[in-house]
Amino acid sequence: MNIVLLQAEDWLGDRMAVLRDRRAVHLRQVLKVAVGDSIRVGQLGGLCGRAVIEAFDASGVRLRVELSEPPPARHRFDIALALPRPKMLRRILRQCAEFGVADLHLIHSARVEKSYWQSPLLQPERLQEALLMGLERSRDTIAPRVHLHRRFRPFVEDQLPGICAGRPCWIADWGAPLALVDAPPQPALVMIGPEGGFVPFEVQLAEAVIARRVSLGGRILSVDTAFTSVLALGLGPGR
């Protein structure tokens, strides 16, 4: 935990907060903080800063908080990702928060198992839990917005142009003539398919509406490797 994230229910007043859950346990048992120590904190969805340990008591850890720093810049890519299997999705959500992605669109595709949409991980509280792990690791306070799209064609035809809002839309497709690394370094949305990639109809539809094919190199990549490769290529502020 590289930042302690504060939520609305933690506040006692304008500058005082108390932690009563796993964060308090982490401070006591892992970081072994003492009264008077300073730690990095942030308001979930807001500013970052520092807090001084004021006291330990039976109810938890009391903090005096000063928030004055903006959160890190957002990643220049938004992502539209074919819904992966649940075990992989948890890791991807955490990485999405670590990289500072603003919007993650989880979409259906012909090669996505319909059962994946029944995963408990897609419940709002479970999504939030996975994203918080990434925020805590990367010293960020702004969680990615996660959008669920259960039908591919309506997503591409009805929503994708508005989502891109004038930005390029890249669709990862092995063998494409343009490499993402050579694409203009500007804000964009990148579409990443499931294991085996998007089927030809999906690529053609996306191209017909707005997308342009890009490759991620000469190797066939797994979904999680492709995901982190795309985000690594797009590092840097883009908004």
Protein backbone atom coordinates (compact mmCIF):
# COMPACT_ATOMS: atom_id res chain seq x y z
CA MET A 1 0.00 0.00 0.00
CA ASN A 2 1.81 3.14 -1.25
CA ILE A 3 -1.06 5.51 -0.46
CA VAL A 4 -3.88 5.36 2.07
CA LEU A 5 -7.14 6.19 0.33
CA LEU A 6 -9.71 8.08 2.38
CA GLN A 7 -13.44 7.79 1.76
CA ALA A 8 -16.35 9.95 2.86
CA GLU A 9 -17.15 7.86 5.95
CA ASP A 10 -13.58 8.21 7.30
CA TRP A 11 -13.79 11.93 7.99
CA LEU A 12 -14.39 13.36 11.46
CA GLY A 13 -14.09 16.98 10.36
CA ASP A 14 -12.32 19.21 7.88
CA ARG A 15 -8.84 17.82 8.60
CA MET A 16 -9.36 14.81 10.86
CA ALA A 17 -10.05 11.24 9.77
CA VAL A 18 -10.09 7.83 11.41
CA LEU A 19 -9.33 4.43 9.89
CA ARG A 20 -11.03 1.35 11.34
CA ASP A 21 -10.55 -1.41 8.75
CA ARG A 22 -7.73 -3.19 6.88
CA ARG A 23 -5.99 0.16 6.35
CA ALA A 24 -5.57 0.59 10.10
CA VAL A 25 -4.27 -2.97 10.37
CA HIS A 26 -1.80 -2.31 7.56
CA LEU A 27 -0.51 0.85 9.23
CA ARG A 28 -0.06 -0.90 12.56
CA GLN A 29 1.24 -4.30 11.52
CA VAL A 30 2.97 -3.79 8.17
CA LEU A 31 4.19 -0.19 8.16
CA LYS A 32 4.52 -0.17 11.98
CA VAL A 33 3.84 3.56 12.16
CA ALA A 34 4.05 5.53 15.41
CA VAL A 35 2.28 8.64 16.67
CA GLY A 36 3.78 11.63 14.86
CA ASP A 37 4.74 9.72 11.72
CA SER A 38 3.72 11.13 8.34
CA ILE A 39 2.13 8.96 5.65
CA ARG A 40 0.93 9.55 2.09
CA VAL A 41 -2.85 9.78 1.76
CA GLY A 42 -5.45 10.77 -0.80
CA GLN A 43 -9.17 11.39 -0.99
CA LEU A 44 -10.75 8.78 -3.25
CA GLY A 45 -11.73 10.71 -6.36
CA GLY A 46 -9.87 13.82 -5.21
CA LEU A 47 -6.58 15.33 -4.04
CA CYS A 48 -3.46 13.67 -2.64
CA GLY A 49 -1.38 14.78 0.32
CA ARG A 50 0.05 13.78 3.70
CA ALA A 51 -1.37 12.79 7.06
CA VAL A 52 0.19 12.71 10.51
CA ILE A 53 -0.66 9.89 12.90
CA GLU A 54 -2.45 11.59 15.79
CA ALA A 55 -3.42 8.62 17.95
CA PHE A 56 -4.11 4.90 18.17
CA ASP A 57 -7.10 3.68 20.12
CA ALA A 58 -9.60 0.85 20.19
CA SER A 59 -11.58 2.39 17.35
CA GLY A 60 -8.66 2.60 14.94
CA VAL A 61 -6.00 5.07 13.76
CA ARG A 62 -6.68 8.82 13.92
CA LEU A 63 -5.09 11.08 11.28
CA ARG A 64 -4.56 14.82 10.78
CA VAL A 65 -4.82 15.28 7.03
CA GLU A 66 -3.53 17.89 4.58
CA LEU A 67 -4.55 17.47 0.92
CA SER A 68 -3.06 19.81 -1.68
CA GLU A 69 -1.63 17.77 -4.59
CA PRO A 70 -3.47 16.78 -7.76
CA PRO A 71 -3.63 13.08 -8.64
CA PRO A 72 -1.38 11.77 -11.43
CA ALA A 73 -2.33 12.53 -15.03
CA ARG A 74 -4.64 10.08 -16.82
CA HIS A 75 -3.28 7.68 -19.42
CA ARG A 76 -3.71 8.87 -23.01
CA PHE A 77 -5.47 5.65 -24.05
CA ASP A 78 -8.96 4.53 -23.15
CA ILE A 79 -9.48 0.81 -23.67
CA ALA A 80 -12.27 -1.31 -25.15
CA LEU A 81 -11.46 -4.87 -24.10
CA ALA A 82 -13.26 -8.07 -24.98
CA LEU A 83 -14.34 -9.45 -21.60
CA PRO A 84 -11.64 -11.88 -20.39
CA ARG A 85 -12.10 -14.83 -18.08
CA PRO A 86 -12.68 -13.75 -14.46
CA LYS A 87 -9.27 -14.80 -13.12
CA MET A 88 -7.56 -12.60 -15.69
CA LEU A 89 -10.07 -9.77 -15.32
CA ARG A 90 -9.15 -9.15 -11.69
CA ARG A 91 -5.52 -8.62 -12.67
CA ILE A 92 -6.45 -6.43 -15.62
CA LEU A 93 -8.64 -4.19 -13.47
CA ARG A 94 -5.78 -3.66 -11.05
CA GLN A 95 -3.38 -2.88 -13.90
CA CYS A 96 -5.91 -0.52 -15.45
CA ALA A 97 -5.93 1.51 -12.24
CA GLU A 98 -2.14 1.35 -11.93
CA PHE A 99 -1.70 2.83 -15.41
CA GLY A 100 -4.27 5.58 -14.79
CA VAL A 101 -6.75 4.64 -17.52
CA ALA A 102 -9.77 6.92 -17.42
CA ASP A 103 -12.34 4.64 -19.10
CA LEU A 104 -12.36 0.86 -19.57
CA HIS A 105 -15.09 -0.56 -21.80
CA LEU A 106 -15.63 -4.29 -21.34
CA ILE A 107 -17.31 -5.58 -24.48
CA HIS A 108 -18.74 -8.82 -25.82
CA SER A 109 -17.19 -10.60 -28.80
CA ALA A 110 -17.83 -13.80 -30.73
CA ARG A 111 -14.98 -15.55 -28.89
CA VAL A 112 -16.07 -14.41 -25.41
CA GLU A 113 -17.78 -17.12 -23.34
CA LYS A 114 -21.25 -15.92 -22.40
CA SER A 115 -20.75 -17.34 -18.90
CA TYR A 116 -18.07 -14.69 -18.25
CA TRP A 117 -20.85 -12.09 -17.97
CA GLN A 118 -22.21 -13.93 -14.91
CA SER A 119 -19.01 -13.42 -12.93
CA PRO A 120 -19.53 -11.88 -9.45
CA LEU A 121 -16.45 -9.77 -10.21
CA LEU A 122 -18.63 -7.59 -12.45
CA GLN A 123 -20.72 -6.46 -9.48
CA PRO A 124 -19.97 -2.80 -8.63
CA GLU A 125 -18.52 -3.51 -5.19
CA ARG A 126 -16.20 -6.20 -6.55
CA LEU A 127 -15.05 -3.98 -9.40
CA GLN A 128 -14.30 -1.23 -6.90
CA GLU A 129 -12.32 -3.60 -4.71
CA ALA A 130 -10.07 -4.66 -7.60
CA LEU A 131 -9.56 -1.08 -8.78
CA LEU A 132 -8.65 0.13 -5.28
CA MET A 133 -5.78 -2.35 -5.17
CA GLY A 134 -4.31 -0.72 -8.27
CA LEU A 135 -4.84 2.80 -6.94
CA GLU A 136 -3.11 1.98 -3.65
CA ARG A 137 -0.13 0.55 -5.47
CA SER A 138 0.27 3.47 -7.89
CA ARG A 139 -0.42 6.37 -5.49
CA ASP A 140 -3.50 7.43 -7.39
CA THR A 141 -6.96 8.50 -6.25
CA ILE A 142 -8.99 8.43 -9.48
CA ALA A 143 -10.44 5.01 -10.30
CA PRO A 144 -11.09 4.07 -13.93
CA ARG A 145 -14.73 4.19 -14.99
CA VAL A 146 -15.77 0.68 -16.05
CA HIS A 147 -18.52 0.33 -18.67
CA LEU A 148 -20.19 -2.99 -19.58
CA HIS A 149 -21.36 -3.63 -23.15
CA ARG A 150 -22.97 -7.03 -23.65
CA ARG A 151 -23.57 -6.75 -27.41
CA PHE A 152 -20.76 -6.05 -29.88
CA ARG A 153 -22.62 -4.61 -32.85
CA PRO A 154 -24.70 -2.01 -30.94
CA PHE A 155 -21.55 -0.97 -29.09
CA VAL A 156 -19.62 -0.37 -32.31
CA GLU A 157 -22.40 1.15 -34.38
CA ASP A 158 -24.28 3.18 -31.77
CA GLN A 159 -21.75 4.10 -29.09
CA LEU A 160 -18.18 3.88 -30.34
CA PRO A 161 -18.19 7.08 -32.46
CA GLY A 162 -19.43 9.11 -29.51
CA ILE A 163 -17.00 7.45 -27.10
CA CYS A 164 -14.08 8.29 -29.36
CA ALA A 165 -15.26 11.90 -29.59
CA GLY A 166 -12.92 12.85 -32.42
CA ARG A 167 -10.01 10.76 -31.18
CA PRO A 168 -8.51 7.95 -33.26
CA CYS A 169 -9.89 4.46 -32.65
CA TRP A 170 -7.33 1.69 -33.04
CA ILE A 171 -8.30 -1.98 -33.20
CA ALA A 172 -5.51 -4.45 -32.44
CA ASP A 173 -5.28 -7.00 -35.24
CA TRP A 174 -2.28 -9.23 -35.88
CA GLY A 175 -0.73 -8.51 -39.28
CA ALA A 176 -2.13 -4.98 -39.60
CA PRO A 177 0.01 -2.72 -41.81
CA LEU A 178 0.42 -0.04 -39.12
CA ALA A 179 2.10 -0.77 -35.79
CA LEU A 180 0.66 0.93 -32.73
CA VAL A 181 4.16 2.04 -31.78
CA ASP A 182 4.24 4.06 -35.03
CA ALA A 183 0.78 5.60 -34.63
CA PRO A 184 0.53 9.33 -33.86
CA PRO A 185 1.23 9.95 -30.13
CA GLN A 186 -2.15 11.40 -29.25
CA PRO A 187 -5.16 10.45 -27.10
CA ALA A 188 -7.03 7.48 -28.55
CA LEU A 189 -9.24 4.51 -27.81
CA VAL A 190 -7.69 1.09 -28.37
CA MET A 191 -9.79 -2.04 -28.93
CA ILE A 192 -8.26 -5.34 -27.75
CA GLY A 193 -9.87 -8.66 -28.60
CA PRO A 194 -10.22 -11.94 -26.71
CA GLU A 195 -7.89 -14.95 -26.93
CA GLY A 196 -7.74 -15.68 -30.66
CA GLY A 197 -8.55 -12.08 -31.53
CA PHE A 198 -11.63 -10.47 -32.99
CA VAL A 199 -13.30 -12.49 -35.76
CA PRO A 200 -13.06 -10.97 -39.29
CA PHE A 201 -16.64 -9.65 -39.21
CA GLU A 202 -15.94 -7.70 -36.01
CA VAL A 203 -12.78 -6.15 -37.43
CA GLN A 204 -14.57 -5.22 -40.67
CA LEU A 205 -17.51 -3.70 -38.79
CA ALA A 206 -15.26 -1.62 -36.55
CA GLU A 207 -13.28 -0.45 -39.59
CA ALA A 208 -16.46 0.47 -41.46
CA VAL A 209 -17.66 2.61 -38.54
CA ILE A 210 -14.53 4.31 -37.20
CA ALA A 211 -11.60 2.05 -36.31
CA ARG A 212 -8.24 1.55 -37.96
CA ARG A 213 -6.27 -1.69 -37.64
CA VAL A 214 -2.94 -1.67 -35.78
CA SER A 215 -0.53 -4.44 -34.86
CA LEU A 216 1.25 -4.96 -31.56
CA GLY A 217 4.23 -6.62 -33.20
CA GLY A 218 5.06 -9.86 -34.95
CA ARG A 219 4.14 -12.22 -32.11
CA ILE A 220 0.78 -13.63 -31.05
CA LEU A 221 0.10 -12.28 -27.57
CA SER A 222 -2.21 -13.40 -24.79
CA VAL A 223 -4.89 -10.94 -23.74
CA ASP A 224 -3.15 -9.77 -20.58
CA THR A 225 0.18 -9.37 -22.40
CA ALA A 226 -1.51 -7.42 -25.20
CA PHE A 227 -3.29 -5.24 -22.63
CA THR A 228 -0.12 -4.27 -20.76
CA SER A 229 1.77 -3.80 -24.03
CA VAL A 230 -0.81 -1.33 -25.28
CA LEU A 231 -0.73 0.63 -22.05
CA ALA A 232 3.08 0.64 -21.95
CA LEU A 233 3.16 2.04 -25.51
CA GLY A 234 0.75 4.81 -24.51
CA LEU A 235 2.45 5.98 -21.32
CA GLY A 236 2.36 9.69 -20.74
CA PRO A 237 -0.40 12.29 -20.26
CA GLY A 238 -2.81 12.66 -23.11
CA ARG A 239 -5.64 14.83 -21.86
